[in-house]
N, C-alpha and C. Protein backbone atom coordinates (compact mmCIF):
# COMPACT_ATOMS: atom_id res chain seq x y z
N MET A 1 9.45 10.94 3.67
CA MET A 1 9.42 9.49 3.93
C MET A 1 10.71 8.97 4.40
N LEU A 2 11.67 9.39 3.70
CA LEU A 2 13.01 8.89 4.07
C LEU A 2 13.62 9.58 5.32
N ALA A 3 12.81 10.62 5.95
CA ALA A 3 13.20 11.16 7.11
C ALA A 3 12.78 10.25 8.25
N ARG A 4 11.72 9.61 7.95
CA ARG A 4 11.08 8.56 9.00
C ARG A 4 11.77 7.22 8.94
N ILE A 5 12.19 6.72 7.68
CA ILE A 5 12.66 5.40 7.65
C ILE A 5 13.79 5.40 6.58
N ALA A 6 14.78 4.89 6.84
CA ALA A 6 15.91 4.84 6.14
C ALA A 6 15.71 3.81 4.84
N ALA A 7 16.12 4.22 3.60
CA ALA A 7 15.93 3.55 2.37
C ALA A 7 16.40 2.09 2.48
N VAL A 8 17.29 1.96 3.14
CA VAL A 8 17.88 0.52 3.38
C VAL A 8 16.86 -0.31 4.20
N ASP A 9 16.21 0.27 5.27
CA ASP A 9 15.31 -0.44 5.97
C ASP A 9 14.02 -0.73 5.13
N ILE A 10 13.59 0.09 4.22
CA ILE A 10 12.52 -0.21 3.38
C ILE A 10 12.73 -1.33 2.41
N TRP A 11 13.98 -1.14 2.04
CA TRP A 11 14.49 -2.31 0.92
C TRP A 11 14.47 -3.77 1.73
N ASP A 12 15.07 -3.66 3.04
CA ASP A 12 15.06 -4.81 3.72
C ASP A 12 13.72 -5.44 4.09
N ALA A 13 12.59 -4.48 4.37
CA ALA A 13 11.44 -4.94 4.77
C ALA A 13 10.43 -5.29 3.72
N THR A 14 10.92 -5.02 2.32
CA THR A 14 9.86 -5.09 1.25
C THR A 14 10.60 -5.80 0.13
N GLY A 15 11.86 -5.70 -0.16
CA GLY A 15 12.41 -6.27 -1.25
C GLY A 15 12.31 -5.35 -2.44
N ILE A 16 11.58 -4.29 -2.33
CA ILE A 16 11.40 -3.37 -3.63
C ILE A 16 12.08 -2.19 -3.54
N GLN A 17 12.63 -1.85 -4.72
CA GLN A 17 13.59 -0.64 -4.60
C GLN A 17 12.58 0.75 -4.39
N GLY A 18 13.04 1.49 -3.74
CA GLY A 18 12.31 2.85 -3.37
C GLY A 18 12.40 3.70 -4.41
N MET A 19 11.23 4.17 -4.85
CA MET A 19 11.07 5.10 -6.08
C MET A 19 10.02 6.16 -5.63
N PRO A 20 10.17 7.38 -5.89
CA PRO A 20 9.13 8.26 -5.30
C PRO A 20 7.67 8.11 -5.70
N PHE A 21 7.50 7.46 -6.90
CA PHE A 21 6.21 7.14 -7.29
C PHE A 21 5.60 5.82 -6.93
N ASN A 22 6.39 5.13 -6.04
CA ASN A 22 5.88 3.85 -5.48
C ASN A 22 4.75 4.12 -4.50
N THR A 23 3.73 3.12 -4.37
CA THR A 23 2.51 3.49 -3.52
C THR A 23 2.84 3.74 -2.18
N LEU A 24 3.66 3.15 -1.48
CA LEU A 24 4.19 3.50 -0.19
C LEU A 24 4.39 4.99 -0.10
N TYR A 25 5.09 5.62 -0.87
CA TYR A 25 5.61 6.90 -0.84
C TYR A 25 4.40 7.82 -1.04
N GLN A 26 3.55 7.46 -2.07
CA GLN A 26 2.47 8.42 -2.44
C GLN A 26 1.46 8.29 -1.28
N LEU A 27 1.07 7.25 -0.74
CA LEU A 27 0.25 7.13 0.28
C LEU A 27 0.72 7.84 1.78
N ALA A 28 1.93 7.69 2.08
CA ALA A 28 2.62 8.58 3.18
C ALA A 28 2.40 10.01 2.91
N ALA A 29 2.54 10.52 1.60
CA ALA A 29 2.44 11.89 1.30
C ALA A 29 0.99 12.34 1.57
N ILE A 30 0.11 11.52 1.15
CA ILE A 30 -1.34 11.83 1.21
C ILE A 30 -1.79 11.92 2.71
N ALA A 31 -1.37 10.90 3.40
CA ALA A 31 -1.56 10.78 4.85
C ALA A 31 -1.06 12.21 5.62
N SER A 32 0.20 12.49 5.26
CA SER A 32 0.62 13.64 6.00
C SER A 32 0.01 14.87 5.75
N ARG A 33 -0.61 15.01 4.63
CA ARG A 33 -1.35 16.14 4.28
C ARG A 33 -2.76 16.18 4.82
N SER A 34 -3.26 14.90 5.13
CA SER A 34 -4.68 14.85 5.58
C SER A 34 -4.75 14.27 6.99
N PRO A 35 -4.77 15.10 7.95
CA PRO A 35 -4.73 14.55 9.33
C PRO A 35 -6.13 13.96 9.70
N ASP A 36 -7.25 14.42 8.89
CA ASP A 36 -8.44 13.69 9.12
C ASP A 36 -8.57 12.50 8.25
N ASN A 37 -8.41 11.40 8.93
CA ASN A 37 -8.48 10.03 8.29
C ASN A 37 -9.92 9.54 7.84
N SER A 38 -10.95 10.28 8.56
CA SER A 38 -12.19 9.88 8.23
C SER A 38 -12.79 9.68 6.86
N LYS A 39 -12.08 10.42 5.80
CA LYS A 39 -12.60 10.25 4.51
C LYS A 39 -11.76 9.38 3.75
N LEU A 40 -10.75 8.56 4.38
CA LEU A 40 -10.05 7.49 3.69
C LEU A 40 -10.70 6.35 3.41
N ARG A 41 -10.52 5.59 2.41
CA ARG A 41 -11.17 4.36 2.01
C ARG A 41 -10.09 3.21 1.80
N PRO A 42 -10.45 1.98 1.83
CA PRO A 42 -9.42 0.91 1.49
C PRO A 42 -8.91 1.33 0.00
N LEU A 43 -7.66 0.82 -0.15
CA LEU A 43 -6.88 1.02 -1.39
C LEU A 43 -7.47 0.00 -2.38
N LEU A 44 -7.58 0.49 -3.53
CA LEU A 44 -7.86 -0.27 -4.65
C LEU A 44 -6.94 0.06 -5.86
N LEU A 45 -6.07 -0.94 -6.22
CA LEU A 45 -5.18 -0.61 -7.34
C LEU A 45 -5.97 -0.88 -8.66
N MET A 46 -5.23 -0.24 -9.77
CA MET A 46 -5.98 -0.33 -10.98
C MET A 46 -6.47 -1.77 -11.65
N PRO A 47 -5.64 -2.79 -11.30
CA PRO A 47 -6.00 -4.13 -11.81
C PRO A 47 -7.34 -4.62 -11.17
N ASP A 48 -7.26 -4.24 -9.89
CA ASP A 48 -8.43 -4.59 -9.10
C ASP A 48 -9.67 -3.66 -9.33
N LEU A 49 -9.54 -2.54 -9.61
CA LEU A 49 -10.65 -1.60 -10.14
C LEU A 49 -11.33 -2.16 -11.40
N ILE A 50 -10.38 -2.44 -12.25
CA ILE A 50 -10.87 -2.95 -13.79
C ILE A 50 -11.52 -4.29 -13.46
N ALA A 51 -11.12 -5.03 -12.78
CA ALA A 51 -11.68 -6.40 -12.46
C ALA A 51 -12.99 -6.17 -11.82
N HIS A 52 -12.99 -5.31 -10.87
CA HIS A 52 -14.39 -5.02 -10.20
C HIS A 52 -15.31 -4.57 -10.95
N ARG A 53 -15.03 -3.74 -11.88
CA ARG A 53 -15.91 -2.88 -12.79
C ARG A 53 -16.47 -3.85 -13.81
N LEU A 54 -15.61 -4.89 -14.28
CA LEU A 54 -16.12 -5.81 -15.32
C LEU A 54 -16.77 -6.88 -14.77
N SER A 55 -16.82 -7.21 -13.59
CA SER A 55 -17.22 -8.51 -12.90
C SER A 55 -18.67 -8.30 -12.69
N ALA A 56 -19.44 -9.18 -13.30
CA ALA A 56 -20.91 -9.24 -13.20
C ALA A 56 -21.26 -9.61 -11.68
N ALA A 57 -20.42 -10.54 -11.23
CA ALA A 57 -20.67 -11.13 -9.90
C ALA A 57 -20.28 -10.15 -8.73
N ARG A 58 -19.56 -8.95 -9.03
CA ARG A 58 -19.22 -7.93 -8.04
C ARG A 58 -18.47 -8.69 -6.94
N THR A 59 -17.53 -9.55 -7.30
CA THR A 59 -16.78 -10.03 -6.31
C THR A 59 -15.65 -9.19 -5.78
N ASP A 60 -14.82 -9.49 -4.93
CA ASP A 60 -13.84 -8.70 -4.21
C ASP A 60 -12.63 -9.09 -4.95
N PRO A 61 -12.18 -8.43 -6.01
CA PRO A 61 -10.90 -8.79 -6.70
C PRO A 61 -9.62 -8.40 -5.96
N PHE A 62 -8.60 -9.12 -6.28
CA PHE A 62 -7.30 -8.86 -5.63
C PHE A 62 -6.29 -9.39 -6.51
N GLU A 63 -5.57 -8.61 -7.17
CA GLU A 63 -4.36 -9.00 -8.17
C GLU A 63 -3.06 -8.88 -7.23
N SER A 64 -2.88 -10.12 -6.68
CA SER A 64 -1.71 -10.30 -5.70
C SER A 64 -0.39 -9.68 -6.24
N ASP A 65 -0.22 -9.98 -7.57
CA ASP A 65 1.06 -9.56 -8.28
C ASP A 65 1.31 -7.94 -8.28
N GLU A 66 0.14 -7.33 -8.42
CA GLU A 66 0.35 -5.72 -8.45
C GLU A 66 0.63 -5.38 -6.96
N TRP A 67 -0.07 -5.99 -6.00
CA TRP A 67 0.01 -5.50 -4.60
C TRP A 67 1.33 -5.73 -4.03
N GLN A 68 2.19 -6.70 -4.52
CA GLN A 68 3.41 -6.94 -4.16
C GLN A 68 4.41 -5.83 -4.54
N HIS A 69 4.17 -5.03 -5.45
CA HIS A 69 4.90 -3.86 -5.77
C HIS A 69 4.65 -2.60 -5.22
N THR A 70 3.69 -2.51 -4.13
CA THR A 70 3.32 -1.43 -3.58
C THR A 70 4.30 -0.95 -2.38
N GLN A 71 5.38 -1.74 -2.11
CA GLN A 71 6.23 -1.57 -1.10
C GLN A 71 5.58 -1.55 0.34
N MET A 72 4.35 -2.18 0.25
CA MET A 72 3.64 -2.34 1.73
C MET A 72 3.57 -3.78 2.01
N MET A 73 4.02 -4.82 1.53
CA MET A 73 4.05 -5.91 1.81
C MET A 73 5.34 -6.67 2.06
N THR A 74 5.22 -7.81 2.76
CA THR A 74 6.61 -8.52 2.91
C THR A 74 7.00 -9.21 1.62
N PRO A 75 8.31 -9.38 1.42
CA PRO A 75 8.76 -9.95 0.25
C PRO A 75 7.96 -11.23 -0.07
N GLY A 76 7.66 -11.42 -1.37
CA GLY A 76 6.74 -12.54 -1.77
C GLY A 76 5.30 -12.11 -1.55
N GLY A 77 4.92 -11.13 -1.14
CA GLY A 77 3.53 -10.64 -1.09
C GLY A 77 2.62 -11.53 -0.27
N ARG A 78 3.28 -12.15 0.83
CA ARG A 78 2.38 -13.00 1.61
C ARG A 78 1.57 -12.28 2.69
N ALA A 79 2.00 -11.16 3.21
CA ALA A 79 1.36 -10.46 4.31
C ALA A 79 1.72 -8.89 4.22
N TRP A 80 1.00 -8.12 4.89
CA TRP A 80 1.23 -6.73 4.95
C TRP A 80 2.38 -6.54 5.80
N ASN A 81 3.23 -5.57 5.57
CA ASN A 81 4.33 -5.15 6.50
C ASN A 81 3.92 -4.22 7.49
N VAL A 82 3.31 -4.59 8.48
CA VAL A 82 2.31 -3.61 9.46
C VAL A 82 3.44 -2.70 10.04
N ASP A 83 4.52 -3.14 10.51
CA ASP A 83 5.57 -2.36 11.18
C ASP A 83 6.07 -1.29 10.14
N LEU A 84 6.30 -1.58 8.97
CA LEU A 84 6.81 -0.57 8.02
C LEU A 84 5.63 0.56 7.83
N LEU A 85 4.45 0.10 7.79
CA LEU A 85 3.30 1.01 7.39
C LEU A 85 3.20 1.84 8.77
N ASP A 86 3.28 1.36 10.02
CA ASP A 86 3.13 2.14 11.14
C ASP A 86 4.27 3.21 11.12
N ARG A 87 5.49 2.69 10.87
CA ARG A 87 6.60 3.78 10.78
C ARG A 87 6.39 4.82 9.79
N ALA A 88 5.70 4.45 8.65
CA ALA A 88 5.40 5.42 7.72
C ALA A 88 4.30 6.31 7.99
N GLY A 89 3.41 6.09 9.14
CA GLY A 89 2.34 6.74 9.45
C GLY A 89 1.14 6.65 8.60
N LEU A 90 0.98 5.41 8.00
CA LEU A 90 -0.20 5.04 7.18
C LEU A 90 -1.27 4.54 8.10
N PRO A 91 -2.53 4.94 7.99
CA PRO A 91 -3.58 4.35 8.89
C PRO A 91 -4.01 3.01 8.29
N SER A 92 -4.52 2.17 9.19
CA SER A 92 -4.84 0.66 8.87
C SER A 92 -6.00 0.63 7.80
N ILE A 93 -6.73 1.71 7.52
CA ILE A 93 -7.87 1.67 6.51
C ILE A 93 -7.36 1.20 5.14
N PHE A 94 -6.04 1.33 4.93
CA PHE A 94 -5.49 0.96 3.54
C PHE A 94 -5.22 -0.59 3.69
N LEU A 95 -5.08 -1.17 4.70
CA LEU A 95 -5.04 -2.57 4.88
C LEU A 95 -6.07 -3.46 4.67
N ALA A 96 -7.32 -2.86 4.46
CA ALA A 96 -8.53 -3.67 4.37
C ALA A 96 -8.61 -4.56 3.26
N ARG A 97 -7.73 -4.25 2.09
CA ARG A 97 -7.92 -5.07 0.95
C ARG A 97 -7.33 -6.49 1.18
N ARG A 98 -6.50 -6.79 2.00
CA ARG A 98 -5.50 -7.87 2.08
C ARG A 98 -5.94 -8.78 3.28
């Protein structure tokens, strides 16, 4: 990941410290090993999954506080950082949640 994007650029784009277990790094690793993106689905984080499973209404849950820490959003979690995701080689299917 850091061969594609400098750590300081990731910090500037997201405001989140880069750690190998962050969602951005994990998804970039998965995408690099999976050239066939046809099996990929929109990302669902654990709080969203739990809320979805417990909701009788089957609404479309979205825990914005959790999504801010994925390193895939602009600071403040107001929008996807599409430029950063493109540079990371992540397909747009992950963006379907927001």
